[in-house]
């Protein structure tokens, strides 16, 4: 999967399907819900975080920065905000 495909799947409809979205991450991924919070480490921790609340949000607008891509890693800043 290319970084652009990953972004579209993350941003796409059905965000509340936490298992599907969590599967986009590698087993040892790091995910921060805020730059000021400790990261969720690993796919299972990410899935658990989304199941507790983030994955149940409705009408979410996702804005993403340009991905930083190296040989074996991709880093991406995403801002999820509720539509008003």
C-alpha atoms as a PDB file:
ATOM      1  CA  UNK A   1       0.000   0.000   0.000  1.00  0.00           C
ATOM      2  CA  UNK A   2       1.349   3.427  -0.898  1.00  0.00           C
ATOM      3  CA  UNK A   3       1.309   6.309   1.613  1.00  0.00           C
ATOM      4  CA  UNK A   4      -1.450   7.984  -0.435  1.00  0.00           C
ATOM      5  CA  UNK A   5      -3.588   4.833  -0.298  1.00  0.00           C
ATOM      6  CA  UNK A   6      -3.033   4.599   3.472  1.00  0.00           C
ATOM      7  CA  UNK A   7      -4.089   8.222   3.929  1.00  0.00           C
ATOM      8  CA  UNK A   8      -7.276   7.739   1.925  1.00  0.00           C
ATOM      9  CA  UNK A   9      -8.216   4.613   3.894  1.00  0.00           C
ATOM     10  CA  UNK A  10      -7.563   6.370   7.208  1.00  0.00           C
ATOM     11  CA  UNK A  11      -9.504   9.440   6.161  1.00  0.00           C
ATOM     12  CA  UNK A  12     -12.252   7.524   4.383  1.00  0.00           C
ATOM     13  CA  UNK A  13     -15.768   6.644   5.460  1.00  0.00           C
ATOM     14  CA  UNK A  14     -16.399   4.146   8.216  1.00  0.00           C
ATOM     15  CA  UNK A  15     -13.907   5.644  10.609  1.00  0.00           C
ATOM     16  CA  UNK A  16     -15.954   4.224  13.467  1.00  0.00           C
ATOM     17  CA  UNK A  17     -14.855   0.725  12.382  1.00  0.00           C
ATOM     18  CA  UNK A  18     -11.930   0.674  14.785  1.00  0.00           C
ATOM     19  CA  UNK A  19     -10.656  -2.793  13.884  1.00  0.00           C
ATOM     20  CA  UNK A  20     -10.409  -1.929  10.210  1.00  0.00           C
ATOM     21  CA  UNK A  21      -8.666   1.372  10.861  1.00  0.00           C
ATOM     22  CA  UNK A  22      -6.328  -0.118  13.475  1.00  0.00           C
ATOM     23  CA  UNK A  23      -5.258  -2.701  10.896  1.00  0.00           C
ATOM     24  CA  UNK A  24      -3.742   0.136   8.872  1.00  0.00           C
ATOM     25  CA  UNK A  25      -0.974   0.317  11.489  1.00  0.00           C
ATOM     26  CA  UNK A  26       1.967  -2.035  11.915  1.00  0.00           C
ATOM     27  CA  UNK A  27       2.005  -4.134  15.100  1.00  0.00           C
ATOM     28  CA  UNK A  28       4.655  -1.824  16.602  1.00  0.00           C
ATOM     29  CA  UNK A  29       3.233   1.529  15.403  1.00  0.00           C
ATOM     30  CA  UNK A  30       3.241   4.652  17.552  1.00  0.00           C
ATOM     31  CA  UNK A  31       0.133   6.878  17.540  1.00  0.00           C
ATOM     32  CA  UNK A  32      -0.336  10.162  19.383  1.00  0.00           C
ATOM     33  CA  UNK A  33      -3.771  11.637  19.944  1.00  0.00           C
ATOM     34  CA  UNK A  34      -2.042  14.919  20.815  1.00  0.00           C
ATOM     35  CA  UNK A  35       1.526  16.146  20.585  1.00  0.00           C
ATOM     36  CA  UNK A  36       1.411  16.742  24.338  1.00  0.00           C
ATOM     37  CA  UNK A  37       0.304  13.205  25.310  1.00  0.00           C
ATOM     38  CA  UNK A  38       2.216   9.974  25.521  1.00  0.00           C
ATOM     39  CA  UNK A  39       1.863   7.806  22.398  1.00  0.00           C
ATOM     40  CA  UNK A  40      -0.222   4.673  22.132  1.00  0.00           C
ATOM     41  CA  UNK A  41       2.300   1.975  21.320  1.00  0.00           C
ATOM     42  CA  UNK A  42       1.274  -0.865  19.057  1.00  0.00           C
ATOM     43  CA  UNK A  43      -1.779  -1.731  17.008  1.00  0.00           C
ATOM     44  CA  UNK A  44      -3.667  -3.177  19.989  1.00  0.00           C
ATOM     45  CA  UNK A  45      -3.204   0.024  22.019  1.00  0.00           C
ATOM     46  CA  UNK A  46      -4.349   2.115  19.049  1.00  0.00           C
ATOM     47  CA  UNK A  47      -7.426  -0.081  18.594  1.00  0.00           C
ATOM     48  CA  UNK A  48      -8.219   0.193  22.320  1.00  0.00           C
ATOM     49  CA  UNK A  49      -7.884   4.006  22.228  1.00  0.00           C
ATOM     50  CA  UNK A  50     -10.301   4.247  19.307  1.00  0.00           C
ATOM     51  CA  UNK A  51     -12.769   1.843  20.914  1.00  0.00           C
ATOM     52  CA  UNK A  52     -12.890   4.038  24.032  1.00  0.00           C
ATOM     53  CA  UNK A  53     -14.103   7.047  22.100  1.00  0.00           C
ATOM     54  CA  UNK A  54     -12.202   8.346  19.111  1.00  0.00           C
ATOM     55  CA  UNK A  55     -13.644   5.752  16.747  1.00  0.00           C
ATOM     56  CA  UNK A  56     -17.214   6.611  17.715  1.00  0.00           C
ATOM     57  CA  UNK A  57     -17.025  10.248  16.622  1.00  0.00           C
ATOM     58  CA  UNK A  58     -19.360  11.206  13.805  1.00  0.00           C
ATOM     59  CA  UNK A  59     -18.898  13.821  11.072  1.00  0.00           C
ATOM     60  CA  UNK A  60     -15.156  14.141  11.516  1.00  0.00           C
ATOM     61  CA  UNK A  61     -13.077  16.279   9.160  1.00  0.00           C
ATOM     62  CA  UNK A  62      -9.528  14.979   8.791  1.00  0.00           C
ATOM     63  CA  UNK A  63      -6.746  17.281   7.654  1.00  0.00           C
ATOM     64  CA  UNK A  64      -3.293  15.874   7.025  1.00  0.00           C
ATOM     65  CA  UNK A  65       0.108  17.301   6.476  1.00  0.00           C
ATOM     66  CA  UNK A  66       2.560  16.076   3.888  1.00  0.00           C
ATOM     67  CA  UNK A  67       3.935  12.651   4.857  1.00  0.00           C
ATOM     68  CA  UNK A  68       7.601  12.248   5.729  1.00  0.00           C
ATOM     69  CA  UNK A  69       8.799   9.071   4.036  1.00  0.00           C
ATOM     70  CA  UNK A  70      12.051   7.185   4.547  1.00  0.00           C
ATOM     71  CA  UNK A  71      13.059   3.711   3.352  1.00  0.00           C
ATOM     72  CA  UNK A  72      11.127   1.886   6.084  1.00  0.00           C
ATOM     73  CA  UNK A  73       8.949   4.484   7.873  1.00  0.00           C
ATOM     74  CA  UNK A  74       6.241   7.012   7.210  1.00  0.00           C
ATOM     75  CA  UNK A  75       5.357   9.813   9.610  1.00  0.00           C
ATOM     76  CA  UNK A  76       2.230  11.879   9.194  1.00  0.00           C
ATOM     77  CA  UNK A  77       0.520  14.666  11.097  1.00  0.00           C
ATOM     78  CA  UNK A  78      -3.260  14.426  11.044  1.00  0.00           C
ATOM     79  CA  UNK A  79      -5.761  16.718  12.696  1.00  0.00           C
ATOM     80  CA  UNK A  80      -9.185  15.218  13.273  1.00  0.00           C
ATOM     81  CA  UNK A  81     -11.799  17.818  14.050  1.00  0.00           C
ATOM     82  CA  UNK A  82     -15.524  17.554  14.459  1.00  0.00           C
ATOM     83  CA  UNK A  83     -17.486  19.239  11.711  1.00  0.00           C
ATOM     84  CA  UNK A  84     -19.644  22.077  12.925  1.00  0.00           C
END
